[in-house]
Amino acid sequence: MKLLLLYSILLFTTIGCQSITYRKIRKSSSCVSYVTAPQIEKDIVFLENYILQHPKKQEARYLLAMRYYRQQNLEKSIQVWNDLININPQYALAIANRGVCYYILKQEKAANADFRRAVELGFDEPIMNNQTLSEYLKTQPIDADN
């Protein structure tokens, strides 16, 4: 009985600490310059472990992808965006952010396809050279996105 009680307390404490840490990470903006490199590393480790325990948690994947983006680890960021989009294919912001990663990697066809899909889903914010996605797509040659 004491062992079961101790296990329950340990489990509750572990879950409680994770919850506090997760809320703290959520509070900090996803892609701001004042988040330090060591803190980003800690966040990545925490979020990867958190996702293992909560595989459908979209917000955690979003935060993880943004942390990888902040590190300029664009390939890893794209992998996380892909996982998130597989969970929620209608997540326009995730699609647009994956497009930004493709754009930075000079994969214009993939970037434009993501931007076009994000616009179709209703996301048309100014994230490309201070232009909305639809304005940016108008400047692209037709063959760049086919």
Protein backbone atom coordinates (compact mmCIF):
# COMPACT_ATOMS: atom_id res chain seq x y z
CA MET A 1 0.00 0.00 0.00
CA LYS A 2 2.82 2.43 0.91
CA LEU A 3 4.61 1.50 -2.31
CA LEU A 4 1.48 2.26 -4.35
CA LEU A 5 1.06 5.61 -2.58
CA LEU A 6 4.71 6.48 -3.18
CA TYR A 7 4.40 5.56 -6.86
CA SER A 8 1.26 7.73 -7.15
CA ILE A 9 3.06 10.67 -5.55
CA LEU A 10 6.07 10.23 -7.86
CA LEU A 11 3.85 9.95 -10.91
CA PHE A 12 1.83 13.02 -9.92
CA THR A 13 5.02 14.98 -9.22
CA THR A 14 6.54 14.00 -12.56
CA ILE A 15 3.37 14.90 -14.45
CA GLY A 16 3.02 18.12 -12.47
CA CYS A 17 6.60 19.18 -13.27
CA GLN A 18 6.09 18.39 -16.95
CA SER A 19 2.91 20.43 -16.98
CA ILE A 20 4.63 23.41 -15.39
CA THR A 21 7.58 23.18 -17.81
CA TYR A 22 5.24 22.82 -20.79
CA ARG A 23 3.24 25.90 -19.73
CA LYS A 24 6.50 27.83 -19.30
CA ILE A 25 7.64 26.88 -22.83
CA ARG A 26 4.21 27.80 -24.24
CA LYS A 27 4.41 31.21 -22.58
CA SER A 28 7.68 32.08 -24.29
CA SER A 29 7.16 33.07 -27.88
CA SER A 30 7.99 30.44 -30.47
CA CYS A 31 10.53 32.39 -32.45
CA VAL A 32 11.81 35.39 -30.55
CA SER A 33 15.37 36.60 -30.42
CA TYR A 34 15.61 36.77 -26.63
CA VAL A 35 15.30 32.99 -26.24
CA THR A 36 18.91 31.88 -25.80
CA ALA A 37 20.56 29.00 -27.64
CA PRO A 38 20.98 26.92 -24.45
CA GLN A 39 17.31 27.49 -23.59
CA ILE A 40 16.26 26.42 -27.09
CA GLU A 41 18.30 23.22 -26.65
CA LYS A 42 16.58 22.52 -23.32
CA ASP A 43 13.17 23.23 -24.85
CA ILE A 44 13.87 20.83 -27.72
CA VAL A 45 14.84 18.00 -25.38
CA PHE A 46 11.79 18.62 -23.22
CA LEU A 47 9.38 18.92 -26.15
CA GLU A 48 10.69 15.78 -27.83
CA ASN A 49 10.10 13.83 -24.62
CA TYR A 50 6.73 15.49 -24.10
CA ILE A 51 5.63 14.49 -27.61
CA LEU A 52 6.64 10.88 -26.94
CA GLN A 53 4.13 10.89 -24.09
CA HIS A 54 1.52 13.04 -25.91
CA PRO A 55 1.88 12.08 -29.59
CA LYS A 56 -1.24 13.94 -30.77
CA LYS A 57 -0.42 17.21 -28.99
CA GLN A 58 -0.33 19.63 -31.93
CA GLU A 59 0.81 22.65 -29.96
CA ALA A 60 3.89 20.80 -28.67
CA ARG A 61 4.86 19.86 -32.24
CA TYR A 62 4.34 23.46 -33.35
CA LEU A 63 6.63 24.71 -30.58
CA LEU A 64 9.23 22.05 -31.39
CA ALA A 65 9.24 22.93 -35.10
CA MET A 66 9.66 26.60 -34.25
CA ARG A 67 12.56 25.80 -31.90
CA TYR A 68 14.31 23.88 -34.69
CA TYR A 69 13.60 26.78 -37.06
CA ARG A 70 15.13 29.17 -34.53
CA GLN A 71 18.26 26.98 -34.52
CA GLN A 72 18.26 27.10 -38.34
CA ASN A 73 17.92 23.32 -38.31
CA LEU A 74 15.48 23.57 -41.20
CA GLU A 75 15.48 19.91 -42.21
CA LYS A 76 14.48 18.87 -38.70
CA SER A 77 11.92 21.67 -38.57
CA ILE A 78 10.41 20.37 -41.83
CA GLN A 79 10.22 16.85 -40.37
CA VAL A 80 8.26 18.15 -37.38
CA TRP A 81 6.00 20.25 -39.64
CA ASN A 82 5.37 17.09 -41.70
CA ASP A 83 4.40 15.16 -38.56
CA LEU A 84 2.09 17.97 -37.51
CA ILE A 85 0.49 18.21 -40.96
CA ASN A 86 -0.04 14.43 -40.94
CA ILE A 87 -1.97 14.83 -37.69
CA ASN A 88 -3.93 17.84 -38.97
CA PRO A 89 -3.83 18.26 -42.77
CA GLN A 90 -5.89 21.47 -42.49
CA TYR A 91 -3.36 23.27 -40.25
CA ALA A 92 -2.66 26.18 -42.61
CA LEU A 93 -0.11 27.91 -40.36
CA ALA A 94 1.98 24.74 -40.16
CA ILE A 95 1.83 24.39 -43.95
CA ALA A 96 2.87 28.03 -44.42
CA ASN A 97 5.73 27.67 -41.93
CA ARG A 98 6.96 24.52 -43.68
CA GLY A 99 6.87 26.57 -46.88
CA VAL A 100 9.10 29.19 -45.30
CA CYS A 101 11.63 26.47 -44.45
CA TYR A 102 11.52 25.20 -48.03
CA TYR A 103 11.93 28.76 -49.28
CA ILE A 104 15.04 29.32 -47.14
CA LEU A 105 16.44 26.02 -48.44
CA LYS A 106 15.83 27.32 -51.98
CA GLN A 107 13.22 24.63 -52.71
CA GLU A 108 10.89 27.10 -54.41
CA LYS A 109 8.47 24.56 -55.94
CA ALA A 110 7.81 22.97 -52.55
CA ALA A 111 7.60 26.41 -50.88
CA ASN A 112 5.12 27.76 -53.43
CA ALA A 113 3.00 24.60 -53.22
CA ASP A 114 2.80 25.01 -49.44
CA PHE A 115 2.04 28.72 -49.72
CA ARG A 116 -0.71 28.03 -52.24
CA ARG A 117 -2.22 25.33 -50.00
CA ALA A 118 -2.08 27.63 -46.96
CA VAL A 119 -3.93 30.35 -48.91
CA GLU A 120 -6.54 27.79 -50.02
CA LEU A 121 -7.07 26.93 -46.34
CA GLY A 122 -7.56 30.61 -45.46
CA PHE A 123 -4.13 31.62 -44.19
CA ASP A 124 -2.93 34.68 -46.09
CA GLU A 125 -0.73 36.64 -43.72
CA PRO A 126 2.26 38.86 -44.58
CA ILE A 127 5.13 36.46 -43.96
CA MET A 128 7.05 36.66 -47.25
CA ASN A 129 8.98 39.92 -47.71
CA ASN A 130 6.18 41.81 -45.93
CA GLN A 131 3.70 40.50 -48.50
CA THR A 132 0.75 38.24 -47.91
CA LEU A 133 1.21 34.78 -49.32
CA SER A 134 -1.20 35.45 -52.18
CA GLU A 135 0.64 38.69 -53.08
CA TYR A 136 3.95 36.83 -52.99
CA LEU A 137 2.61 34.00 -55.19
CA LYS A 138 1.56 36.54 -57.84
CA THR A 139 5.23 37.50 -58.21
CA GLN A 140 6.32 33.93 -58.86
CA PRO A 141 6.68 32.50 -62.37
CA ILE A 142 3.99 29.96 -63.20
CA ASP A 143 6.54 27.16 -63.67
CA ALA A 144 8.04 27.78 -60.19
CA ASP A 145 5.05 26.18 -58.49
CA ASN A 146 4.04 23.42 -60.89
